[in-house]
Amino acid sequence: MKAKKEWFGEWFDSPYYHVLYQHRDHREASAFIDHLIAHFDFRASDKILDLACGKGRHSIYLNKKGFDVVGVDLSEQNIRHAQAYANERLHFHIHDMRQVFSENSFDYILNMFTSFGYFDTQKEHEQAICAVARSLKKEGVFVLDFLNPDLVVNQLTPSADKVIDGIHFDISKKIEDGFILKNILFKDAGKDYRFQEKVKAINKSEFMDYFEKAGLDIIALYGDYTLGDYVRDKSERMIFVTKKKNDHSQCQIE
């Protein structure tokens, strides 16, 4: 019997995911990347991994800026779309972030726009961070952009209705067992659909533990896409900047 896909493997591979989120602010995303490039003074020789790249829009933008980029994502549909833009310095691969993509290979690894926290267990999240550490070169930098769970929990909107491209999405949200759950119901062409997004509300101290076990030092924590200061109960984001230490002996992947 074929194993059932995990929620993110099923939902992100669905065309409806891209319908629902088609109005996301691409300009804000590009501006964030520009801030990162300027702040860290990326070099043309740097090798960058876009971890959980989706359809590759950030990878493509980085490549247009002159960088050598690899984008990886678990969704076969996303990678098939992204590969149309591949070139000598832009490559895409299907990959599970819980596994090492390429040992000691990247100067920068970017995990953007809450593309983390999807797994059921703490062990899996630790494995994903460990895989990042092992894929970085010595002194390599990992940038993880995550929602601020304190703000999300405090400002949670229980329900919402959206009509996009003629499809009525009925959306409900709740906190359950430390996860932010979003249930998405809709009908299209006479068929009922139900998807669920499930993101662990990982707090700052938990991330600090993940990074320590993986041998990553936190060198900065920002609270928004302009790289402003992080304030626990006010910032929209937690943007961690970490650097690989020489020793990551505690980092284990099974």
Protein backbone atom coordinates (compact mmCIF):
# COMPACT_ATOMS: atom_id res chain seq x y z
CA MET A 1 0.00 0.00 0.00
CA LYS A 2 1.33 3.44 -0.93
CA ALA A 3 2.07 5.54 2.16
CA LYS A 4 -0.11 8.60 2.65
CA LYS A 5 1.71 11.86 2.00
CA GLU A 6 2.44 14.15 4.91
CA TRP A 7 0.17 17.22 4.90
CA PHE A 8 2.79 19.49 3.33
CA GLY A 9 3.61 16.97 0.61
CA GLU A 10 -0.06 16.79 -0.33
CA TRP A 11 -1.05 20.46 0.05
CA PHE A 12 2.03 22.05 -1.54
CA ASP A 13 1.71 19.70 -4.50
CA SER A 14 -1.89 20.82 -5.04
CA PRO A 15 -2.68 23.55 -7.59
CA TYR A 16 -5.12 25.02 -5.05
CA TYR A 17 -2.27 25.98 -2.73
CA HIS A 18 -1.02 28.39 -5.38
CA VAL A 19 -4.56 29.69 -6.03
CA LEU A 20 -5.09 30.52 -2.36
CA TYR A 21 -1.73 32.24 -1.92
CA GLN A 22 -1.36 33.91 -5.32
CA HIS A 23 -1.70 37.40 -3.81
CA ARG A 24 1.38 37.17 -1.59
CA ASP A 25 3.58 40.24 -1.78
CA HIS A 26 6.41 39.39 -4.18
CA ARG A 27 7.85 42.88 -3.86
CA GLU A 28 8.27 42.43 -0.12
CA ALA A 29 9.99 39.10 -0.71
CA SER A 30 12.38 40.59 -3.24
CA ALA A 31 13.11 43.54 -0.95
CA PHE A 32 13.92 41.13 1.89
CA ILE A 33 16.40 39.28 -0.31
CA ASP A 34 17.96 42.61 -1.34
CA HIS A 35 18.41 43.46 2.35
CA LEU A 36 20.12 40.10 2.94
CA ILE A 37 22.43 40.53 -0.06
CA ALA A 38 23.48 43.99 1.09
CA HIS A 39 23.76 43.10 4.77
CA PHE A 40 25.95 40.04 4.23
CA ASP A 41 27.71 41.36 1.14
CA PHE A 42 27.09 38.22 -0.89
CA ARG A 43 29.83 37.46 -3.42
CA ALA A 44 29.32 36.11 -6.93
CA SER A 45 31.44 33.10 -5.92
CA ASP A 46 29.15 32.22 -3.00
CA LYS A 47 27.07 29.07 -3.33
CA ILE A 48 23.52 29.46 -1.98
CA LEU A 49 20.94 26.81 -1.10
CA ASP A 50 17.29 27.88 -1.11
CA LEU A 51 15.79 25.29 1.24
CA ALA A 52 12.09 24.56 0.63
CA CYS A 53 12.15 26.79 -2.44
CA GLY A 54 8.56 26.23 -3.60
CA LYS A 55 8.26 27.17 -7.28
CA GLY A 56 11.66 28.83 -7.07
CA ARG A 57 10.81 32.51 -7.16
CA HIS A 58 13.46 33.43 -4.57
CA SER A 59 16.06 31.18 -6.20
CA ILE A 60 15.31 32.72 -9.58
CA TYR A 61 15.57 36.24 -8.16
CA LEU A 62 18.90 35.47 -6.47
CA ASN A 63 20.23 33.98 -9.69
CA LYS A 64 19.20 37.06 -11.66
CA LYS A 65 21.25 39.04 -9.14
CA GLY A 66 24.27 37.01 -10.26
CA PHE A 67 24.48 34.23 -7.68
CA ASP A 68 25.05 30.49 -7.91
CA VAL A 69 21.88 28.97 -6.47
CA VAL A 70 20.42 25.53 -5.80
CA GLY A 71 16.73 25.31 -4.93
CA VAL A 72 15.30 22.21 -3.26
CA ASP A 73 11.73 21.33 -2.36
CA LEU A 74 9.76 18.22 -1.49
CA SER A 75 7.03 19.02 -4.03
CA GLU A 76 7.55 17.36 -7.40
CA GLN A 77 5.10 19.80 -9.02
CA ASN A 78 6.98 22.83 -7.67
CA ILE A 79 10.35 21.55 -8.86
CA ARG A 80 8.97 20.67 -12.28
CA HIS A 81 7.77 24.27 -12.61
CA ALA A 82 11.06 25.74 -11.35
CA GLN A 83 13.26 23.66 -13.63
CA ALA A 84 12.03 25.65 -16.61
CA TYR A 85 14.21 28.49 -15.27
CA ALA A 86 17.33 26.42 -14.59
CA ASN A 87 20.71 27.36 -16.04
CA GLU A 88 24.41 26.78 -15.39
CA ARG A 89 24.20 28.67 -12.06
CA LEU A 90 20.63 27.76 -11.10
CA HIS A 91 19.58 24.19 -10.36
CA PHE A 92 16.52 22.61 -8.76
CA HIS A 93 16.06 19.23 -7.06
CA ILE A 94 13.36 17.32 -5.20
CA HIS A 95 14.64 16.94 -1.65
CA ASP A 96 13.43 16.35 1.92
CA MET A 97 15.06 18.87 4.28
CA ARG A 98 15.35 16.21 6.98
CA GLN A 99 18.21 14.72 4.96
CA VAL A 100 21.59 16.22 4.05
CA PHE A 101 21.55 17.55 0.51
CA SER A 102 25.30 17.92 0.01
CA GLU A 103 27.96 17.83 2.75
CA ASN A 104 30.00 20.99 3.38
CA SER A 105 28.88 22.61 0.12
CA PHE A 106 27.17 25.96 0.74
CA ASP A 107 28.25 29.41 1.90
CA TYR A 108 24.63 30.36 2.64
CA ILE A 109 21.46 28.38 3.24
CA LEU A 110 18.17 30.29 3.27
CA ASN A 111 14.88 28.98 4.62
CA MET A 112 12.36 31.68 3.83
CA PHE A 113 8.81 32.67 4.78
CA THR A 114 7.93 30.03 7.41
CA SER A 115 9.03 27.02 5.40
CA PHE A 116 9.77 25.18 8.63
CA GLY A 117 7.90 23.71 11.61
CA TYR A 118 5.91 21.27 9.48
CA PHE A 119 6.92 18.00 11.14
CA ASP A 120 5.12 16.06 13.86
CA THR A 121 8.06 15.55 16.20
CA GLN A 122 10.84 17.59 17.78
CA LYS A 123 13.32 14.97 16.57
CA GLU A 124 12.41 15.67 12.94
CA HIS A 125 12.88 19.41 13.39
CA GLU A 126 16.26 18.77 15.00
CA GLN A 127 17.21 16.49 12.10
CA ALA A 128 16.32 19.22 9.59
CA ILE A 129 18.52 21.79 11.35
CA CYS A 130 21.29 19.20 11.64
CA ALA A 131 21.06 18.53 7.88
CA VAL A 132 21.47 22.26 7.29
CA ALA A 133 24.59 22.40 9.46
CA ARG A 134 26.17 19.49 7.65
CA SER A 135 25.42 21.05 4.26
CA LEU A 136 27.14 24.32 5.18
CA LYS A 137 30.81 24.99 4.57
CA LYS A 138 32.97 25.95 7.55
CA GLU A 139 31.82 29.38 8.78
CA GLY A 140 28.79 29.08 6.47
CA VAL A 141 25.64 31.05 7.34
CA PHE A 142 22.08 29.79 7.76
CA VAL A 143 19.18 32.25 7.67
CA LEU A 144 15.86 30.92 8.98
CA ASP A 145 12.82 33.17 8.59
CA PHE A 146 9.94 32.01 10.81
CA LEU A 147 6.69 33.45 12.09
CA ASN A 148 6.71 34.96 15.57
CA PRO A 149 4.59 32.42 17.50
CA ASP A 150 3.87 34.84 20.37
CA LEU A 151 2.26 37.33 18.00
CA VAL A 152 0.44 34.69 15.94
CA VAL A 153 -1.11 33.04 18.99
CA ASN A 154 -2.18 36.37 20.49
CA GLN A 155 -3.69 37.65 17.23
CA LEU A 156 -5.18 34.44 15.88
CA THR A 157 -8.29 34.95 13.75
CA PRO A 158 -10.50 31.86 14.22
CA SER A 159 -12.17 31.98 10.81
CA ALA A 160 -12.06 33.65 7.40
CA ASP A 161 -13.74 33.38 4.01
CA LYS A 162 -11.99 34.09 0.73
CA VAL A 163 -13.23 33.89 -2.85
CA ILE A 164 -10.37 33.58 -5.33
CA ASP A 165 -10.74 32.65 -9.01
CA GLY A 166 -14.35 31.68 -8.33
CA ILE A 167 -13.42 29.28 -5.52
CA HIS A 168 -14.84 29.92 -2.04
CA PHE A 169 -12.28 28.99 0.62
CA ASP A 170 -13.64 28.45 4.14
CA ILE A 171 -10.65 28.82 6.50
CA SER A 172 -10.54 28.13 10.23
CA LYS A 173 -7.57 28.37 12.61
CA LYS A 174 -6.82 27.09 16.10
CA ILE A 175 -3.97 26.20 18.43
CA GLU A 176 -3.77 22.53 19.37
CA ASP A 177 -0.98 20.62 21.13
CA GLY A 178 1.54 23.35 20.36
CA PHE A 179 0.66 23.52 16.66
CA ILE A 180 -1.01 26.29 14.67
CA LEU A 181 -3.67 24.50 12.64
CA LYS A 182 -5.35 25.98 9.59
CA ASN A 183 -8.21 23.97 8.06
CA ILE A 184 -9.04 24.86 4.46
CA LEU A 185 -12.37 23.72 2.99
CA PHE A 186 -13.65 24.43 -0.52
CA LYS A 187 -15.49 22.99 -3.47
CA ASP A 188 -14.39 23.03 -7.11
CA ALA A 189 -16.01 21.40 -10.14
CA GLY A 190 -18.55 19.70 -7.89
CA LYS A 191 -15.91 18.07 -5.69
CA ASP A 192 -15.31 18.82 -2.01
CA TYR A 193 -11.72 19.40 -0.84
CA ARG A 194 -10.20 19.58 2.62
CA PHE A 195 -6.60 20.43 3.43
CA GLN A 196 -4.87 21.26 6.68
CA GLU A 197 -1.75 23.30 7.37
CA LYS A 198 0.02 22.34 10.58
CA VAL A 199 2.91 24.47 11.81
CA LYS A 200 4.64 23.95 15.15
CA ALA A 201 4.63 27.14 17.20
CA ILE A 202 8.38 26.89 17.83
CA ASN A 203 9.56 29.57 20.22
CA LYS A 204 12.91 31.32 20.44
CA SER A 205 14.32 29.07 23.16
CA GLU A 206 13.41 25.92 21.22
CA PHE A 207 15.18 27.22 18.14
CA MET A 208 18.20 28.07 20.27
CA ASP A 209 18.31 24.44 21.42
CA TYR A 210 18.05 23.17 17.83
CA PHE A 211 20.91 25.41 16.73
CA GLU A 212 23.12 24.47 19.67
CA LYS A 213 22.68 20.74 19.02
CA ALA A 214 23.51 21.29 15.33
CA GLY A 215 26.64 23.32 16.05
CA LEU A 216 25.26 26.62 14.83
CA ASP A 217 25.96 29.91 16.64
CA ILE A 218 23.24 32.59 16.57
CA ILE A 219 24.87 35.80 15.36
CA ALA A 220 21.71 37.89 14.91
CA LEU A 221 17.93 37.81 15.40
CA TYR A 222 15.71 40.20 13.45
CA GLY A 223 12.00 40.91 13.73
CA ASP A 224 11.00 42.01 10.22
CA TYR A 225 12.00 42.01 6.57
CA THR A 226 13.89 45.30 6.90
CA LEU A 227 16.12 43.54 9.47
CA GLY A 228 14.73 45.57 12.35
CA ASP A 229 15.15 44.50 15.97
CA TYR A 230 13.20 41.49 17.25
CA VAL A 231 10.68 42.30 19.99
CA ARG A 232 8.98 39.23 21.42
CA ASP A 233 5.39 40.45 21.62
CA LYS A 234 5.47 42.88 18.68
CA SER A 235 7.63 41.58 15.83
CA GLU A 236 5.96 39.84 12.92
CA ARG A 237 8.90 37.54 12.27
CA MET A 238 11.77 35.70 13.94
CA ILE A 239 14.65 35.84 11.46
CA PHE A 240 17.59 33.90 12.84
CA VAL A 241 21.07 34.31 11.40
CA THR A 242 23.41 31.50 12.45
CA LYS A 243 26.96 30.51 11.62
CA LYS A 244 28.45 27.02 11.50
CA LYS A 245 30.91 26.21 14.26
CA ASN A 246 33.83 23.86 13.71
CA ASP A 247 32.32 21.17 15.89
CA HIS A 248 28.84 19.76 15.30
CA SER A 249 29.48 16.38 16.89
CA GLN A 250 26.01 16.30 18.52
CA CYS A 251 24.41 16.57 15.09
CA GLN A 252 22.83 13.21 14.27
CA ILE A 253 20.62 12.13 11.38
CA GLU A 254 19.15 8.64 11.31
